[in-house]
Structure formats: structure tokens, C-alpha cells
């Protein structure tokens, strides 16, 4: 794997995790720490 491929993979994973945080955050309003822990548990 070259550096460009790794950067692309990281960017794609970041996008998926950001969307996941947003969706979980809609259900758990105002609890950022809980949202982070739920996302970690889901991964």
C-alpha cells in the first residue's frame, strides 16, 4: 500500500464514522461522551 491509498482509506473511514456519530447523536441529544462510547462499542 502506498501513502495515497492509506490516506484515501483513512478519509473514507473518517466520513463513515462522522456520519455514524451524527446519527447516534440524534438519538442521544447533548451527551457527546455517551455518543463517542456508543460509536466505539459499535465498531
PDB file of N, CA and C in Angstrom:
ATOM      1  N   UNK A   1       0.838  -1.184   0.000  1.00  0.00           N
ATOM      2  CA  UNK A   1       0.000   0.000   0.000  1.00  0.00           C
ATOM      3  C   UNK A   1       0.883   1.247   0.000  1.00  0.00           C
ATOM      4  N   UNK A   2       0.511   2.173  -0.825  1.00  0.00           N
ATOM      5  CA  UNK A   2       1.247   3.429  -0.828  1.00  0.00           C
ATOM      6  C   UNK A   2       0.527   4.460   0.046  1.00  0.00           C
ATOM      7  N   UNK A   3       1.170   5.577   0.254  1.00  0.00           N
ATOM      8  CA  UNK A   3       0.653   6.607   1.161  1.00  0.00           C
ATOM      9  C   UNK A   3      -0.679   7.169   0.679  1.00  0.00           C
ATOM     10  N   UNK A   4      -0.851   7.327  -0.625  1.00  0.00           N
ATOM     11  CA  UNK A   4      -2.099   7.873  -1.167  1.00  0.00           C
ATOM     12  C   UNK A   4      -3.272   6.942  -0.880  1.00  0.00           C
ATOM     13  N   UNK A   5      -3.051   5.653  -1.013  1.00  0.00           N
ATOM     14  CA  UNK A   5      -4.103   4.676  -0.731  1.00  0.00           C
ATOM     15  C   UNK A   5      -4.478   4.698   0.742  1.00  0.00           C
ATOM     16  N   UNK A   6      -3.490   4.773   1.590  1.00  0.00           N
ATOM     17  CA  UNK A   6      -3.740   4.826   3.032  1.00  0.00           C
ATOM     18  C   UNK A   6      -4.528   6.080   3.386  1.00  0.00           C
ATOM     19  N   UNK A   7      -4.137   7.217   2.819  1.00  0.00           N
ATOM     20  CA  UNK A   7      -4.847   8.466   3.087  1.00  0.00           C
ATOM     21  C   UNK A   7      -6.292   8.403   2.610  1.00  0.00           C
ATOM     22  N   UNK A   8      -6.525   7.785   1.466  1.00  0.00           N
ATOM     23  CA  UNK A   8      -7.880   7.630   0.941  1.00  0.00           C
ATOM     24  C   UNK A   8      -8.713   6.745   1.857  1.00  0.00           C
ATOM     25  N   UNK A   9      -8.133   5.650   2.324  1.00  0.00           N
ATOM     26  CA  UNK A   9      -8.843   4.749   3.231  1.00  0.00           C
ATOM     27  C   UNK A   9      -9.187   5.442   4.547  1.00  0.00           C
ATOM     28  N   UNK A  10      -8.256   6.211   5.069  1.00  0.00           N
ATOM     29  CA  UNK A  10      -8.496   6.931   6.320  1.00  0.00           C
ATOM     30  C   UNK A  10      -9.595   7.964   6.136  1.00  0.00           C
ATOM     31  N   UNK A  11      -9.576   8.681   5.025  1.00  0.00           N
ATOM     32  CA  UNK A  11     -10.604   9.686   4.755  1.00  0.00           C
ATOM     33  C   UNK A  11     -11.981   9.043   4.635  1.00  0.00           C
ATOM     34  N   UNK A  12     -12.051   7.889   3.985  1.00  0.00           N
ATOM     35  CA  UNK A  12     -13.327   7.190   3.842  1.00  0.00           C
ATOM     36  C   UNK A  12     -13.835   6.711   5.199  1.00  0.00           C
ATOM     37  N   UNK A  13     -12.946   6.174   6.019  1.00  0.00           N
ATOM     38  CA  UNK A  13     -13.342   5.716   7.354  1.00  0.00           C
ATOM     39  C   UNK A  13     -13.791   6.891   8.213  1.00  0.00           C
ATOM     40  N   UNK A  14     -13.105   8.012   8.104  1.00  0.00           N
ATOM     41  CA  UNK A  14     -13.478   9.208   8.862  1.00  0.00           C
ATOM     42  C   UNK A  14     -14.881   9.666   8.488  1.00  0.00           C
ATOM     43  N   UNK A  15     -15.196   9.629   7.210  1.00  0.00           N
ATOM     44  CA  UNK A  15     -16.520  10.044   6.746  1.00  0.00           C
ATOM     45  C   UNK A  15     -17.609   9.134   7.308  1.00  0.00           C
ATOM     46  N   UNK A  16     -17.370   7.836   7.288  1.00  0.00           N
ATOM     47  CA  UNK A  16     -18.348   6.878   7.816  1.00  0.00           C
ATOM     48  C   UNK A  16     -18.553   7.091   9.313  1.00  0.00           C
ATOM     49  N   UNK A  17     -17.473   7.260  10.051  1.00  0.00           N
ATOM     50  CA  UNK A  17     -17.570   7.450  11.500  1.00  0.00           C
ATOM     51  C   UNK A  17     -18.258   8.767  11.825  1.00  0.00           C
ATOM     52  N   UNK A  18     -17.990   9.809  11.050  1.00  0.00           N
ATOM     53  CA  UNK A  18     -18.645  11.099  11.279  1.00  0.00           C
ATOM     54  C   UNK A  18     -20.149  10.987  11.059  1.00  0.00           C
ATOM     55  N   UNK A  19     -20.559  10.273  10.010  1.00  0.00           N
ATOM     56  CA  UNK A  19     -21.996  10.079   9.774  1.00  0.00           C
ATOM     57  C   UNK A  19     -22.623   9.247  10.881  1.00  0.00           C
ATOM     58  N   UNK A  20     -21.905   8.237  11.343  1.00  0.00           N
ATOM     59  CA  UNK A  20     -22.398   7.400  12.435  1.00  0.00           C
ATOM     60  C   UNK A  20     -22.577   8.215  13.708  1.00  0.00           C
ATOM     61  N   UNK A  21     -21.595   9.061  14.038  1.00  0.00           N
ATOM     62  CA  UNK A  21     -21.699   9.930  15.225  1.00  0.00           C
ATOM     63  C   UNK A  21     -22.901  10.859  15.111  1.00  0.00           C
ATOM     64  N   UNK A  22     -23.131  11.393  13.923  1.00  0.00           N
ATOM     65  CA  UNK A  22     -24.259  12.298  13.712  1.00  0.00           C
ATOM     66  C   UNK A  22     -25.579  11.577  13.946  1.00  0.00           C
ATOM     67  N   UNK A  23     -25.713  10.401  13.400  1.00  0.00           N
ATOM     68  CA  UNK A  23     -26.963   9.654  13.547  1.00  0.00           C
ATOM     69  C   UNK A  23     -27.193   9.217  14.993  1.00  0.00           C
ATOM     70  N   UNK A  24     -26.155   8.729  15.651  1.00  0.00           N
ATOM     71  CA  UNK A  24     -26.294   8.332  17.058  1.00  0.00           C
ATOM     72  C   UNK A  24     -26.572   9.571  17.904  1.00  0.00           C
ATOM     73  N   UNK A  25     -25.945  10.686  17.567  1.00  0.00           N
ATOM     74  CA  UNK A  25     -26.153  11.934  18.295  1.00  0.00           C
ATOM     75  C   UNK A  25     -27.577  12.436  18.216  1.00  0.00           C
ATOM     76  N   UNK A  26     -28.289  12.092  17.168  1.00  0.00           N
ATOM     77  CA  UNK A  26     -29.701  12.476  17.053  1.00  0.00           C
ATOM     78  C   UNK A  26     -30.560  11.735  18.065  1.00  0.00           C
ATOM     79  N   UNK A  27     -30.164  10.533  18.416  1.00  0.00           N
ATOM     80  CA  UNK A  27     -30.925   9.744  19.389  1.00  0.00           C
ATOM     81  C   UNK A  27     -30.518  10.076  20.815  1.00  0.00           C
ATOM     82  N   UNK A  28     -29.262  10.425  21.021  1.00  0.00           N
ATOM     83  CA  UNK A  28     -28.736  10.716  22.354  1.00  0.00           C
ATOM     84  C   UNK A  28     -28.313  12.187  22.350  1.00  0.00           C
ATOM     85  N   UNK A  29     -29.255  13.060  22.573  1.00  0.00           N
ATOM     86  CA  UNK A  29     -29.026  14.501  22.428  1.00  0.00           C
ATOM     87  C   UNK A  29     -28.265  15.056  23.627  1.00  0.00           C
ATOM     88  N   UNK A  30     -27.199  15.809  23.339  1.00  0.00           N
ATOM     89  CA  UNK A  30     -26.465  16.522  24.376  1.00  0.00           C
ATOM     90  C   UNK A  30     -25.522  15.685  25.219  1.00  0.00           C
ATOM     91  N   UNK A  31     -25.259  14.483  24.819  1.00  0.00           N
ATOM     92  CA  UNK A  31     -24.383  13.595  25.587  1.00  0.00           C
ATOM     93  C   UNK A  31     -23.227  13.132  24.701  1.00  0.00           C
ATOM     94  N   UNK A  32     -22.304  14.035  24.417  1.00  0.00           N
ATOM     95  CA  UNK A  32     -21.214  13.731  23.485  1.00  0.00           C
ATOM     96  C   UNK A  32     -20.350  12.561  23.937  1.00  0.00           C
ATOM     97  N   UNK A  33     -20.072  12.470  25.223  1.00  0.00           N
ATOM     98  CA  UNK A  33     -19.237  11.367  25.725  1.00  0.00           C
ATOM     99  C   UNK A  33     -19.943  10.028  25.522  1.00  0.00           C
ATOM    100  N   UNK A  34     -21.237   9.997  25.762  1.00  0.00           N
ATOM    101  CA  UNK A  34     -22.005   8.762  25.566  1.00  0.00           C
ATOM    102  C   UNK A  34     -22.044   8.397  24.088  1.00  0.00           C
ATOM    103  N   UNK A  35     -22.216   9.392  23.226  1.00  0.00           N
ATOM    104  CA  UNK A  35     -22.222   9.141  21.783  1.00  0.00           C
ATOM    105  C   UNK A  35     -20.891   8.535  21.358  1.00  0.00           C
ATOM    106  N   UNK A  36     -19.786   9.094  21.830  1.00  0.00           N
ATOM    107  CA  UNK A  36     -18.468   8.549  21.491  1.00  0.00           C
ATOM    108  C   UNK A  36     -18.329   7.106  21.959  1.00  0.00           C
ATOM    109  N   UNK A  37     -18.771   6.822  23.152  1.00  0.00           N
ATOM    110  CA  UNK A  37     -18.667   5.455  23.686  1.00  0.00           C
ATOM    111  C   UNK A  37     -19.553   4.484  22.918  1.00  0.00           C
ATOM    112  N   UNK A  38     -20.738   4.936  22.520  1.00  0.00           N
ATOM    113  CA  UNK A  38     -21.619   4.078  21.727  1.00  0.00           C
ATOM    114  C   UNK A  38     -21.010   3.773  20.361  1.00  0.00           C
ATOM    115  N   UNK A  39     -20.410   4.773  19.743  1.00  0.00           N
ATOM    116  CA  UNK A  39     -19.768   4.557  18.444  1.00  0.00           C
ATOM    117  C   UNK A  39     -18.605   3.580  18.588  1.00  0.00           C
ATOM    118  N   UNK A  40     -17.815   3.730  19.625  1.00  0.00           N
ATOM    119  CA  UNK A  40     -16.710   2.794  19.868  1.00  0.00           C
ATOM    120  C   UNK A  40     -17.246   1.381  20.065  1.00  0.00           C
ATOM    121  N   UNK A  41     -18.332   1.250  20.812  1.00  0.00           N
ATOM    122  CA  UNK A  41     -18.918  -0.071  21.045  1.00  0.00           C
ATOM    123  C   UNK A  41     -19.431  -0.681  19.742  1.00  0.00           C
ATOM    124  N   UNK A  42     -19.983   0.145  18.870  1.00  0.00           N
ATOM    125  CA  UNK A  42     -20.492  -0.357  17.599  1.00  0.00           C
ATOM    126  C   UNK A  42     -19.373  -0.781  16.656  1.00  0.00           C
ATOM    127  N   UNK A  43     -18.213  -0.159  16.792  1.00  0.00           N
ATOM    128  CA  UNK A  43     -17.090  -0.517  15.919  1.00  0.00           C
ATOM    129  C   UNK A  43     -16.476  -1.819  16.377  1.00  0.00           C
TER     130      UNK A  43
END
